[in-house]
Amino acid sequence: MNMKRIIKLYKQMADLTAPECATNCRCPYSCCDRMYCNEARVWAKKKWNVDLSPLYIEGQRLPFMREGGCVVEPHLRPTCTVHTCAINGFGFKPKDPKWTKKYFRLRASMIQEI
């Protein structure tokens, strides 16, 4: 496993998916949930030996969410990094085959590295 390559691929995926959640979703960040924060915490420790400490701010409902999205590195939150409502709901991004192709190419590369 090439860890630097995996980290780079997750970053590229996050760069692709984060704008979908932040601007193209009817309700930005609505899929984010404390359950996924807990999954990220467990994954980060188990796979990367990284302790994620919650950063609670008054009024924030999630421990890693800030204005502009999640503050956890993309490779430490794989479920969140690859998620978009379009992929989850349709299996593709409607009216954007180029984006969809890029998404699945990146995802295949990520799987191949693991």
PDB file of N, CA and C in Angstrom:
ATOM      1  N   MET A   1       0.829  -1.187   0.000  1.00  0.00           N
ATOM      2  CA  MET A   1       0.000   0.000   0.000  1.00  0.00           C
ATOM      3  C   MET A   1       0.875   1.252   0.000  1.00  0.00           C
ATOM      4  N   ASN A   2       0.631   2.121  -0.925  1.00  0.00           N
ATOM      5  CA  ASN A   2       1.351   3.381  -0.995  1.00  0.00           C
ATOM      6  C   ASN A   2       0.509   4.443  -0.279  1.00  0.00           C
ATOM      7  N   MET A   3       0.872   4.709   0.975  1.00  0.00           N
ATOM      8  CA  MET A   3       0.069   5.607   1.818  1.00  0.00           C
ATOM      9  C   MET A   3      -0.023   7.019   1.251  1.00  0.00           C
ATOM     10  N   LYS A   4       1.075   7.521   0.697  1.00  0.00           N
ATOM     11  CA  LYS A   4       1.039   8.874   0.127  1.00  0.00           C
ATOM     12  C   LYS A   4       0.070   8.932  -1.050  1.00  0.00           C
ATOM     13  N   ARG A   5       0.057   7.896  -1.847  1.00  0.00           N
ATOM     14  CA  ARG A   5      -0.866   7.849  -2.994  1.00  0.00           C
ATOM     15  C   ARG A   5      -2.316   7.763  -2.518  1.00  0.00           C
ATOM     16  N   ILE A   6      -2.575   6.945  -1.507  1.00  0.00           N
ATOM     17  CA  ILE A   6      -3.929   6.826  -0.970  1.00  0.00           C
ATOM     18  C   ILE A   6      -4.412   8.176  -0.442  1.00  0.00           C
ATOM     19  N   ILE A   7      -3.572   8.848   0.308  1.00  0.00           N
ATOM     20  CA  ILE A   7      -3.932  10.161   0.856  1.00  0.00           C
ATOM     21  C   ILE A   7      -4.227  11.139  -0.283  1.00  0.00           C
ATOM     22  N   LYS A   8      -3.408  11.114  -1.311  1.00  0.00           N
ATOM     23  CA  LYS A   8      -3.608  11.999  -2.467  1.00  0.00           C
ATOM     24  C   LYS A   8      -4.938  11.693  -3.169  1.00  0.00           C
ATOM     25  N   LEU A   9      -5.242  10.421  -3.363  1.00  0.00           N
ATOM     26  CA  LEU A   9      -6.496  10.050  -4.022  1.00  0.00           C
ATOM     27  C   LEU A   9      -7.711  10.474  -3.204  1.00  0.00           C
ATOM     28  N   TYR A  10      -7.655  10.281  -1.891  1.00  0.00           N
ATOM     29  CA  TYR A  10      -8.768  10.722  -1.042  1.00  0.00           C
ATOM     30  C   TYR A  10      -8.937  12.236  -1.087  1.00  0.00           C
ATOM     31  N   LYS A  11      -7.842  12.947  -1.158  1.00  0.00           N
ATOM     32  CA  LYS A  11      -7.914  14.409  -1.266  1.00  0.00           C
ATOM     33  C   LYS A  11      -8.563  14.812  -2.593  1.00  0.00           C
ATOM     34  N   GLN A  12      -8.178  14.141  -3.671  1.00  0.00           N
ATOM     35  CA  GLN A  12      -8.794  14.438  -4.971  1.00  0.00           C
ATOM     36  C   GLN A  12     -10.282  14.134  -4.950  1.00  0.00           C
ATOM     37  N   MET A  13     -10.659  13.029  -4.300  1.00  0.00           N
ATOM     38  CA  MET A  13     -12.078  12.691  -4.206  1.00  0.00           C
ATOM     39  C   MET A  13     -12.826  13.741  -3.384  1.00  0.00           C
ATOM     40  N   ALA A  14     -12.249  14.162  -2.290  1.00  0.00           N
ATOM     41  CA  ALA A  14     -12.886  15.191  -1.465  1.00  0.00           C
ATOM     42  C   ALA A  14     -13.032  16.504  -2.231  1.00  0.00           C
ATOM     43  N   ASP A  15     -12.037  16.839  -3.023  1.00  0.00           N
ATOM     44  CA  ASP A  15     -12.119  18.053  -3.842  1.00  0.00           C
ATOM     45  C   ASP A  15     -13.265  17.955  -4.851  1.00  0.00           C
ATOM     46  N   LEU A  16     -13.573  16.737  -5.275  1.00  0.00           N
ATOM     47  CA  LEU A  16     -14.662  16.516  -6.215  1.00  0.00           C
ATOM     48  C   LEU A  16     -16.024  16.491  -5.519  1.00  0.00           C
ATOM     49  N   THR A  17     -16.105  15.822  -4.379  1.00  0.00           N
ATOM     50  CA  THR A  17     -17.398  15.620  -3.715  1.00  0.00           C
ATOM     51  C   THR A  17     -17.813  16.754  -2.772  1.00  0.00           C
ATOM     52  N   ALA A  18     -16.871  17.418  -2.146  1.00  0.00           N
ATOM     53  CA  ALA A  18     -17.225  18.464  -1.171  1.00  0.00           C
ATOM     54  C   ALA A  18     -18.092  19.574  -1.766  1.00  0.00           C
ATOM     55  N   PRO A  19     -17.787  20.069  -2.953  1.00  0.00           N
ATOM     56  CA  PRO A  19     -18.652  21.103  -3.532  1.00  0.00           C
ATOM     57  C   PRO A  19     -20.075  20.607  -3.815  1.00  0.00           C
ATOM     58  N   GLU A  20     -20.206  19.313  -4.084  1.00  0.00           N
ATOM     59  CA  GLU A  20     -21.541  18.748  -4.301  1.00  0.00           C
ATOM     60  C   GLU A  20     -22.385  18.901  -3.050  1.00  0.00           C
ATOM     61  N   CYS A  21     -21.790  18.594  -1.924  1.00  0.00           N
ATOM     62  CA  CYS A  21     -22.515  18.684  -0.663  1.00  0.00           C
ATOM     63  C   CYS A  21     -22.730  20.134  -0.241  1.00  0.00           C
ATOM     64  N   ALA A  22     -21.746  20.949  -0.453  1.00  0.00           N
ATOM     65  CA  ALA A  22     -21.803  22.335   0.020  1.00  0.00           C
ATOM     66  C   ALA A  22     -22.704  23.224  -0.825  1.00  0.00           C
ATOM     67  N   THR A  23     -22.765  22.978  -2.135  1.00  0.00           N
ATOM     68  CA  THR A  23     -23.486  23.924  -2.990  1.00  0.00           C
ATOM     69  C   THR A  23     -24.560  23.302  -3.882  1.00  0.00           C
ATOM     70  N   ASN A  24     -24.410  22.033  -4.222  1.00  0.00           N
ATOM     71  CA  ASN A  24     -25.364  21.420  -5.145  1.00  0.00           C
ATOM     72  C   ASN A  24     -26.438  20.595  -4.457  1.00  0.00           C
ATOM     73  N   CYS A  25     -26.375  20.490  -3.161  1.00  0.00           N
ATOM     74  CA  CYS A  25     -27.358  19.729  -2.402  1.00  0.00           C
ATOM     75  C   CYS A  25     -28.496  20.658  -1.979  1.00  0.00           C
ATOM     76  N   ARG A  26     -29.713  20.115  -1.984  1.00  0.00           N
ATOM     77  CA  ARG A  26     -30.866  20.934  -1.557  1.00  0.00           C
ATOM     78  C   ARG A  26     -30.721  21.394  -0.111  1.00  0.00           C
ATOM     79  N   CYS A  27     -30.111  20.552   0.698  1.00  0.00           N
ATOM     80  CA  CYS A  27     -29.896  20.894   2.106  1.00  0.00           C
ATOM     81  C   CYS A  27     -28.451  20.530   2.466  1.00  0.00           C
ATOM     82  N   PRO A  28     -27.512  21.466   2.269  1.00  0.00           N
ATOM     83  CA  PRO A  28     -26.091  21.180   2.479  1.00  0.00           C
ATOM     84  C   PRO A  28     -25.795  20.514   3.819  1.00  0.00           C
ATOM     85  N   TYR A  29     -24.946  19.502   3.746  1.00  0.00           N
ATOM     86  CA  TYR A  29     -24.463  18.749   4.896  1.00  0.00           C
ATOM     87  C   TYR A  29     -25.565  17.994   5.646  1.00  0.00           C
ATOM     88  N   SER A  30     -26.709  17.814   5.027  1.00  0.00           N
ATOM     89  CA  SER A  30     -27.812  17.132   5.711  1.00  0.00           C
ATOM     90  C   SER A  30     -27.560  15.639   5.899  1.00  0.00           C
ATOM     91  N   CYS A  31     -26.672  15.045   5.122  1.00  0.00           N
ATOM     92  CA  CYS A  31     -26.350  13.620   5.292  1.00  0.00           C
ATOM     93  C   CYS A  31     -25.342  13.411   6.413  1.00  0.00           C
ATOM     94  N   CYS A  32     -24.661  14.454   6.814  1.00  0.00           N
ATOM     95  CA  CYS A  32     -23.675  14.342   7.883  1.00  0.00           C
ATOM     96  C   CYS A  32     -24.389  14.013   9.185  1.00  0.00           C
ATOM     97  N   ASP A  33     -23.806  13.100   9.930  1.00  0.00           N
ATOM     98  CA  ASP A  33     -24.447  12.619  11.146  1.00  0.00           C
ATOM     99  C   ASP A  33     -23.370  12.221  12.152  1.00  0.00           C
ATOM    100  N   ARG A  34     -23.702  12.302  13.413  1.00  0.00           N
ATOM    101  CA  ARG A  34     -22.769  11.934  14.487  1.00  0.00           C
ATOM    102  C   ARG A  34     -22.269  10.495  14.303  1.00  0.00           C
ATOM    103  N   MET A  35     -23.117   9.611  13.773  1.00  0.00           N
ATOM    104  CA  MET A  35     -22.730   8.221  13.534  1.00  0.00           C
ATOM    105  C   MET A  35     -21.501   8.153  12.620  1.00  0.00           C
ATOM    106  N   TYR A  36     -21.476   8.990  11.574  1.00  0.00           N
ATOM    107  CA  TYR A  36     -20.346   8.988  10.648  1.00  0.00           C
ATOM    108  C   TYR A  36     -19.105   9.615  11.273  1.00  0.00           C
ATOM    109  N   CYS A  37     -19.304  10.555  12.174  1.00  0.00           N
ATOM    110  CA  CYS A  37     -18.172  11.108  12.923  1.00  0.00           C
ATOM    111  C   CYS A  37     -17.543  10.012  13.782  1.00  0.00           C
ATOM    112  N   ASN A  38     -18.382   9.202  14.401  1.00  0.00           N
ATOM    113  CA  ASN A  38     -17.871   8.091  15.206  1.00  0.00           C
ATOM    114  C   ASN A  38     -17.157   7.064  14.339  1.00  0.00           C
ATOM    115  N   GLU A  39     -17.716   6.772  13.159  1.00  0.00           N
ATOM    116  CA  GLU A  39     -17.047   5.856  12.227  1.00  0.00           C
ATOM    117  C   GLU A  39     -15.671   6.394  11.850  1.00  0.00           C
ATOM    118  N   ALA A  40     -15.598   7.680  11.569  1.00  0.00           N
ATOM    119  CA  ALA A  40     -14.320   8.295  11.205  1.00  0.00           C
ATOM    120  C   ALA A  40     -13.326   8.182  12.357  1.00  0.00           C
ATOM    121  N   ARG A  41     -13.787   8.408  13.563  1.00  0.00           N
ATOM    122  CA  ARG A  41     -12.909   8.329  14.738  1.00  0.00           C
ATOM    123  C   ARG A  41     -12.326   6.919  14.871  1.00  0.00           C
ATOM    124  N   VAL A  42     -13.174   5.897  14.705  1.00  0.00           N
ATOM    125  CA  VAL A  42     -12.722   4.506  14.808  1.00  0.00           C
ATOM    126  C   VAL A  42     -11.760   4.165  13.666  1.00  0.00           C
ATOM    127  N   TRP A  43     -12.123   4.552  12.441  1.00  0.00           N
ATOM    128  CA  TRP A  43     -11.276   4.277  11.263  1.00  0.00           C
ATOM    129  C   TRP A  43      -9.909   4.948  11.398  1.00  0.00           C
ATOM    130  N   ALA A  44      -9.908   6.197  11.803  1.00  0.00           N
ATOM    131  CA  ALA A  44      -8.653   6.947  11.927  1.00  0.00           C
ATOM    132  C   ALA A  44      -7.710   6.264  12.909  1.00  0.00           C
ATOM    133  N   LYS A  45      -8.248   5.799  14.000  1.00  0.00           N
ATOM    134  CA  LYS A  45      -7.412   5.144  15.014  1.00  0.00           C
ATOM    135  C   LYS A  45      -6.954   3.769  14.530  1.00  0.00           C
ATOM    136  N   LYS A  46      -7.890   2.983  13.999  1.00  0.00           N
ATOM    137  CA  LYS A  46      -7.586   1.610  13.603  1.00  0.00           C
ATOM    138  C   LYS A  46      -6.642   1.537  12.401  1.00  0.00           C
ATOM    139  N   LYS A  47      -6.907   2.329  11.376  1.00  0.00           N
ATOM    140  CA  LYS A  47      -6.138   2.231  10.128  1.00  0.00           C
ATOM    141  C   LYS A  47      -4.947   3.173  10.055  1.00  0.00           C
ATOM    142  N   TRP A  48      -5.030   4.306  10.760  1.00  0.00           N
ATOM    143  CA  TRP A  48      -3.984   5.319  10.626  1.00  0.00           C
ATOM    144  C   TRP A  48      -3.313   5.675  11.953  1.00  0.00           C
ATOM    145  N   ASN A  49      -3.791   5.089  13.044  1.00  0.00           N
ATOM    146  CA  ASN A  49      -3.288   5.392  14.388  1.00  0.00           C
ATOM    147  C   ASN A  49      -3.333   6.893  14.696  1.00  0.00           C
ATOM    148  N   VAL A  50      -4.446   7.489  14.309  1.00  0.00           N
ATOM    149  CA  VAL A  50      -4.674   8.919  14.547  1.00  0.00           C
ATOM    150  C   VAL A  50      -5.861   9.061  15.488  1.00  0.00           C
ATOM    151  N   ASP A  51      -5.672   9.820  16.546  1.00  0.00           N
ATOM    152  CA  ASP A  51      -6.766  10.106  17.472  1.00  0.00           C
ATOM    153  C   ASP A  51      -7.455  11.387  17.025  1.00  0.00           C
ATOM    154  N   LEU A  52      -8.725  11.283  16.706  1.00  0.00           N
ATOM    155  CA  LEU A  52      -9.508  12.461  16.348  1.00  0.00           C
ATOM    156  C   LEU A  52     -10.213  12.969  17.595  1.00  0.00           C
ATOM    157  N   SER A  53      -9.931  14.180  17.951  1.00  0.00           N
ATOM    158  CA  SER A  53     -10.565  14.789  19.119  1.00  0.00           C
ATOM    159  C   SER A  53     -11.685  15.698  18.668  1.00  0.00           C
ATOM    160  N   PRO A  54     -12.873  15.499  19.233  1.00  0.00           N
ATOM    161  CA  PRO A  54     -13.990  16.375  18.861  1.00  0.00           C
ATOM    162  C   PRO A  54     -13.691  17.819  19.228  1.00  0.00           C
ATOM    163  N   LEU A  55     -14.107  18.719  18.358  1.00  0.00           N
ATOM    164  CA  LEU A  55     -13.906  20.147  18.581  1.00  0.00           C
ATOM    165  C   LEU A  55     -15.278  20.808  18.685  1.00  0.00           C
ATOM    166  N   TYR A  56     -15.867  20.696  19.857  1.00  0.00           N
ATOM    167  CA  TYR A  56     -17.221  21.202  20.014  1.00  0.00           C
ATOM    168  C   TYR A  56     -17.246  22.722  20.070  1.00  0.00           C
ATOM    169  N   ILE A  57     -18.138  23.278  19.315  1.00  0.00           N
ATOM    170  CA  ILE A  57     -18.401  24.707  19.307  1.00  0.00           C
ATOM    171  C   ILE A  57     -19.884  24.865  19.571  1.00  0.00           C
ATOM    172  N   GLU A  58     -20.228  25.795  20.400  1.00  0.00           N
ATOM    173  CA  GLU A  58     -21.635  26.005  20.729  1.00  0.00           C
ATOM    174  C   GLU A  58     -22.459  26.197  19.454  1.00  0.00           C
ATOM    175  N   GLY A  59     -23.533  25.472  19.366  1.00  0.00           N
ATOM    176  CA  GLY A  59     -24.410  25.570  18.211  1.00  0.00           C
ATOM    177  C   GLY A  59     -24.088  24.579  17.108  1.00  0.00           C
ATOM    178  N   GLN A  60     -22.917  23.950  17.149  1.00  0.00           N
ATOM    179  CA  GLN A  60     -22.552  22.948  16.148  1.00  0.00           C
ATOM    180  C   GLN A  60     -23.129  21.604  16.566  1.00  0.00           C
ATOM    181  N   ARG A  61     -23.787  20.925  15.643  1.00  0.00           N
ATOM    182  CA  ARG A  61     -24.391  19.641  15.981  1.00  0.00           C
ATOM    183  C   ARG A  61     -23.435  18.470  15.813  1.00  0.00           C
ATOM    184  N   LEU A  62     -22.330  18.680  15.109  1.00  0.00           N
ATOM    185  CA  LEU A  62     -21.384  17.604  14.840  1.00  0.00           C
ATOM    186  C   LEU A  62     -19.990  17.976  15.317  1.00  0.00           C
ATOM    187  N   PRO A  63     -19.246  17.008  15.837  1.00  0.00           N
ATOM    188  CA  PRO A  63     -17.951  17.330  16.454  1.00  0.00           C
ATOM    189  C   PRO A  63     -16.844  17.766  15.498  1.00  0.00           C
ATOM    190  N   PHE A  64     -16.959  17.445  14.205  1.00  0.00           N
ATOM    191  CA  PHE A  64     -15.889  17.807  13.272  1.00  0.00           C
ATOM    192  C   PHE A  64     -16.345  18.783  12.194  1.00  0.00           C
ATOM    193  N   MET A  65     -17.553  19.250  12.307  1.00  0.00           N
ATOM    194  CA  MET A  65     -18.107  20.135  11.288  1.00  0.00           C
ATOM    195  C   MET A  65     -17.870  21.591  11.657  1.00  0.00           C
ATOM    196  N   ARG A  66     -17.399  22.311  10.672  1.00  0.00           N
ATOM    197  CA  ARG A  66     -17.225  23.751  10.801  1.00  0.00           C
ATOM    198  C   ARG A  66     -17.893  24.407   9.610  1.00  0.00           C
ATOM    199  N   GLU A  67     -17.975  25.692   9.628  1.00  0.00           N
ATOM    200  CA  GLU A  67     -18.496  26.385   8.458  1.00  0.00           C
ATOM    201  C   GLU A  67     -17.594  26.026   7.286  1.00  0.00           C
ATOM    202  N   GLY A  68     -18.185  25.564   6.231  1.00  0.00           N
ATOM    203  CA  GLY A  68     -17.396  25.149   5.084  1.00  0.00           C
ATOM    204  C   GLY A  68     -17.131  23.654   5.028  1.00  0.00           C
ATOM    205  N   GLY A  69     -17.641  22.903   5.995  1.00  0.00           N
ATOM    206  CA  GLY A  69     -17.516  21.453   5.925  1.00  0.00           C
ATOM    207  C   GLY A  69     -16.739  20.811   7.054  1.00  0.00           C
ATOM    208  N   CYS A  70     -16.428  19.558   6.836  1.00  0.00           N
ATOM    209  CA  CYS A  70     -15.731  18.751   7.829  1.00  0.00           C
ATOM    210  C   CYS A  70     -14.246  19.102   7.861  1.00  0.00           C
ATOM    211  N   VAL A  71     -13.673  19.090   9.060  1.00  0.00           N
ATOM    212  CA  VAL A  71     -12.261  19.434   9.212  1.00  0.00           C
ATOM    213  C   VAL A  71     -11.351  18.208   9.263  1.00  0.00           C
ATOM    214  N   VAL A  72     -11.933  17.014   9.224  1.00  0.00           N
ATOM    215  CA  VAL A  72     -11.140  15.784   9.261  1.00  0.00           C
ATOM    216  C   VAL A  72     -10.579  15.518   7.864  1.00  0.00           C
ATOM    217  N   GLU A  73      -9.318  15.124   7.800  1.00  0.00           N
ATOM    218  CA  GLU A  73      -8.681  14.831   6.517  1.00  0.00           C
ATOM    219  C   GLU A  73      -9.475  13.751   5.775  1.00  0.00           C
ATOM    220  N   PRO A  74      -9.589  13.874   4.463  1.00  0.00           N
ATOM    221  CA  PRO A  74     -10.430  12.962   3.680  1.00  0.00           C
ATOM    222  C   PRO A  74     -10.117  11.479   3.849  1.00  0.00           C
ATOM    223  N   HIS A  75      -8.852  11.105   3.978  1.00  0.00           N
ATOM    224  CA  HIS A  75      -8.506   9.685   4.120  1.00  0.00           C
ATOM    225  C   HIS A  75      -8.885   9.126   5.481  1.00  0.00           C
ATOM    226  N   LEU A  76      -9.166   9.987   6.438  1.00  0.00           N
ATOM    227  CA  LEU A  76      -9.577   9.552   7.773  1.00  0.00           C
ATOM    228  C   LEU A  76     -11.090   9.408   7.897  1.00  0.00           C
ATOM    229  N   ARG A  77     -11.827   9.775   6.860  1.00  0.00           N
ATOM    230  CA  ARG A  77     -13.297   9.680   6.856  1.00  0.00           C
ATOM    231  C   ARG A  77     -13.775   9.166   5.493  1.00  0.00           C
ATOM    232  N   PRO A  78     -13.392   7.946   5.139  1.00  0.00           N
ATOM    233  CA  PRO A  78     -13.641   7.443   3.783  1.00  0.00           C
ATOM    234  C   PRO A  78     -15.111   7.417   3.379  1.00  0.00           C
ATOM    235  N   THR A  79     -15.995   7.043   4.273  1.00  0.00           N
ATOM    236  CA  THR A  79     -17.420   7.001   3.931  1.00  0.00           C
ATOM    237  C   THR A  79     -17.914   8.384   3.529  1.00  0.00           C
ATOM    238  N   CYS A  80     -17.526   9.371   4.267  1.00  0.00           N
ATOM    239  CA  CYS A  80     -17.960  10.743   3.993  1.00  0.00           C
ATOM    240  C   CYS A  80     -17.312  11.284   2.717  1.00  0.00           C
ATOM    241  N   THR A  81     -16.061  10.949   2.519  1.00  0.00           N
ATOM    242  CA  THR A  81     -15.326  11.461   1.370  1.00  0.00           C
ATOM    243  C   THR A  81     -15.949  11.033   0.056  1.00  0.00           C
ATOM    244  N   VAL A  82     -16.403   9.795  -0.026  1.00  0.00           N
ATOM    245  CA  VAL A  82     -16.945   9.295  -1.296  1.00  0.00           C
ATOM    246  C   VAL A  82     -18.436   9.558  -1.458  1.00  0.00           C
ATOM    247  N   HIS A  83     -19.092  10.060  -0.436  1.00  0.00           N
ATOM    248  CA  HIS A  83     -20.546  10.241  -0.501  1.00  0.00           C
ATOM    249  C   HIS A  83     -20.962  11.511  -1.242  1.00  0.00           C
ATOM    250  N   THR A  84     -21.933  11.356  -2.093  1.00  0.00           N
ATOM    251  CA  THR A  84     -22.736  12.471  -2.607  1.00  0.00           C
ATOM    252  C   THR A  84     -24.152  11.946  -2.724  1.00  0.00           C
ATOM    253  N   CYS A  85     -25.120  12.820  -2.612  1.00  0.00           N
ATOM    254  CA  CYS A  85     -26.518  12.396  -2.723  1.00  0.00           C
ATOM    255  C   CYS A  85     -26.820  11.832  -4.108  1.00  0.00           C
ATOM    256  N   ALA A  86     -26.222  12.409  -5.140  1.00  0.00           N
ATOM    257  CA  ALA A  86     -26.478  11.936  -6.499  1.00  0.00           C
ATOM    258  C   ALA A  86     -25.982  10.503  -6.685  1.00  0.00           C
ATOM    259  N   ILE A  87     -24.780  10.214  -6.237  1.00  0.00           N
ATOM    260  CA  ILE A  87     -24.240   8.860  -6.357  1.00  0.00           C
ATOM    261  C   ILE A  87     -25.060   7.905  -5.500  1.00  0.00           C
ATOM    262  N   ASN A  88     -25.377   8.312  -4.298  1.00  0.00           N
ATOM    263  CA  ASN A  88     -26.155   7.468  -3.405  1.00  0.00           C
ATOM    264  C   ASN A  88     -27.568   7.221  -3.946  1.00  0.00           C
ATOM    265  N   GLY A  89     -28.181   8.240  -4.492  1.00  0.00           N
ATOM    266  CA  GLY A  89     -29.564   8.134  -4.937  1.00  0.00           C
ATOM    267  C   GLY A  89     -29.755   7.584  -6.336  1.00  0.00           C
ATOM    268  N   PHE A  90     -28.886   7.996  -7.248  1.00  0.00           N
ATOM    269  CA  PHE A  90     -29.053   7.628  -8.657  1.00  0.00           C
ATOM    270  C   PHE A  90     -27.963   6.692  -9.178  1.00  0.00           C
ATOM    271  N   GLY A  91     -26.804   6.731  -8.542  1.00  0.00           N
ATOM    272  CA  GLY A  91     -25.662   5.979  -9.042  1.00  0.00           C
ATOM    273  C   GLY A  91     -24.836   6.768 -10.039  1.00  0.00           C
ATOM    274  N   PHE A  92     -25.197   8.032 -10.237  1.00  0.00           N
ATOM    275  CA  PHE A  92     -24.495   8.934 -11.146  1.00  0.00           C
ATOM    276  C   PHE A  92     -24.961  10.354 -10.845  1.00  0.00           C
ATOM    277  N   LYS A  93     -24.271  11.332 -11.411  1.00  0.00           N
ATOM    278  CA  LYS A  93     -24.694  12.722 -11.265  1.00  0.00           C
ATOM    279  C   LYS A  93     -25.486  13.104 -12.513  1.00  0.00           C
ATOM    280  N   PRO A  94     -26.790  13.330 -12.333  1.00  0.00           N
ATOM    281  CA  PRO A  94     -27.617  13.692 -13.481  1.00  0.00           C
ATOM    282  C   PRO A  94     -27.055  14.896 -14.237  1.00  0.00           C
ATOM    283  N   LYS A  95     -27.105  14.804 -15.536  1.00  0.00           N
ATOM    284  CA  LYS A  95     -26.694  15.880 -16.443  1.00  0.00           C
ATOM    285  C   LYS A  95     -25.207  16.209 -16.388  1.00  0.00           C
ATOM    286  N   ASP A  96     -24.393  15.314 -15.801  1.00  0.00           N
ATOM    287  CA  ASP A  96     -22.963  15.578 -15.746  1.00  0.00           C
ATOM    288  C   ASP A  96     -22.161  14.281 -15.863  1.00  0.00           C
ATOM    289  N   PRO A  97     -22.162  13.682 -17.053  1.00  0.00           N
ATOM    290  CA  PRO A  97     -21.438  12.418 -17.227  1.00  0.00           C
ATOM    291  C   PRO A  97     -19.926  12.557 -17.023  1.00  0.00           C
ATOM    292  N   LYS A  98     -19.381  13.717 -17.317  1.00  0.00           N
ATOM    293  CA  LYS A  98     -17.944  13.935 -17.127  1.00  0.00           C
ATOM    294  C   LYS A  98     -17.586  13.841 -15.639  1.00  0.00           C
ATOM    295  N   TRP A  99     -18.384  14.493 -14.790  1.00  0.00           N
ATOM    296  CA  TRP A  99     -18.166  14.437 -13.341  1.00  0.00           C
ATOM    297  C   TRP A  99     -18.304  12.987 -12.862  1.00  0.00           C
ATOM    298  N   THR A 100     -19.350  12.304 -13.318  1.00  0.00           N
ATOM    299  CA  THR A 100     -19.595  10.914 -12.912  1.00  0.00           C
ATOM    300  C   THR A 100     -18.416  10.019 -13.299  1.00  0.00           C
ATOM    301  N   LYS A 101     -17.912  10.186 -14.506  1.00  0.00           N
ATOM    302  CA  LYS A 101     -16.781   9.384 -14.970  1.00  0.00           C
ATOM    303  C   LYS A 101     -15.553   9.639 -14.091  1.00  0.00           C
ATOM    304  N   LYS A 102     -15.297  10.896 -13.773  1.00  0.00           N
ATOM    305  CA  LYS A 102     -14.167  11.237 -12.924  1.00  0.00           C
ATOM    306  C   LYS A 102     -14.335  10.617 -11.534  1.00  0.00           C
ATOM    307  N   TYR A 103     -15.546  10.683 -10.992  1.00  0.00           N
ATOM    308  CA  TYR A 103     -15.834  10.121  -9.678  1.00  0.00           C
ATOM    309  C   TYR A 103     -15.493   8.627  -9.651  1.00  0.00           C
ATOM    310  N   PHE A 104     -16.022   7.884 -10.602  1.00  0.00           N
ATOM    311  CA  PHE A 104     -15.816   6.442 -10.595  1.00  0.00           C
ATOM    312  C   PHE A 104     -14.380   6.053 -10.945  1.00  0.00           C
ATOM    313  N   ARG A 105     -13.704   6.850 -11.735  1.00  0.00           N
ATOM    314  CA  ARG A 105     -12.296   6.601 -12.010  1.00  0.00           C
ATOM    315  C   ARG A 105     -11.474   6.773 -10.728  1.00  0.00           C
ATOM    316  N   LEU A 106     -11.743   7.842  -9.999  1.00  0.00           N
ATOM    317  CA  LEU A 106     -11.043   8.069  -8.733  1.00  0.00           C
ATOM    318  C   LEU A 106     -11.350   6.964  -7.725  1.00  0.00           C
ATOM    319  N   ARG A 107     -12.611   6.618  -7.631  1.00  0.00           N
ATOM    320  CA  ARG A 107     -13.007   5.581  -6.667  1.00  0.00           C
ATOM    321  C   ARG A 107     -12.337   4.239  -6.983  1.00  0.00           C
ATOM    322  N   ALA A 108     -12.278   3.896  -8.261  1.00  0.00           N
ATOM    323  CA  ALA A 108     -11.602   2.660  -8.666  1.00  0.00           C
ATOM    324  C   ALA A 108     -10.113   2.710  -8.307  1.00  0.00           C
ATOM    325  N   SER A 109      -9.496   3.856  -8.491  1.00  0.00           N
ATOM    326  CA  SER A 109      -8.078   4.009  -8.143  1.00  0.00           C
ATOM    327  C   SER A 109      -7.874   3.860  -6.629  1.00  0.00           C
ATOM    328  N   MET A 110      -8.801   4.407  -5.862  1.00  0.00           N
ATOM    329  CA  MET A 110      -8.712   4.296  -4.402  1.00  0.00           C
ATOM    330  C   MET A 110      -8.816   2.839  -3.973  1.00  0.00           C
ATOM    331  N   ILE A 111      -9.756   2.122  -4.543  1.00  0.00           N
ATOM    332  CA  ILE A 111      -9.952   0.709  -4.199  1.00  0.00           C
ATOM    333  C   ILE A 111      -8.725  -0.105  -4.602  1.00  0.00           C
ATOM    334  N   GLN A 112      -8.193   0.195  -5.747  1.00  0.00           N
ATOM    335  CA  GLN A 112      -7.025  -0.524  -6.243  1.00  0.00           C
ATOM    336  C   GLN A 112      -5.828  -0.350  -5.312  1.00  0.00           C
ATOM    337  N   GLU A 113      -5.688   0.820  -4.722  1.00  0.00           N
ATOM    338  CA  GLU A 113      -4.567   1.090  -3.826  1.00  0.00           C
ATOM    339  C   GLU A 113      -4.708   0.374  -2.484  1.00  0.00           C
ATOM    340  N   ILE A 114      -5.922   0.115  -2.101  1.00  0.00           N
ATOM    341  CA  ILE A 114      -6.143  -0.544  -0.800  1.00  0.00           C
ATOM    342  C   ILE A 114      -5.939  -2.014  -0.993  1.00  0.00           C
TER     343      ILE A 114
END
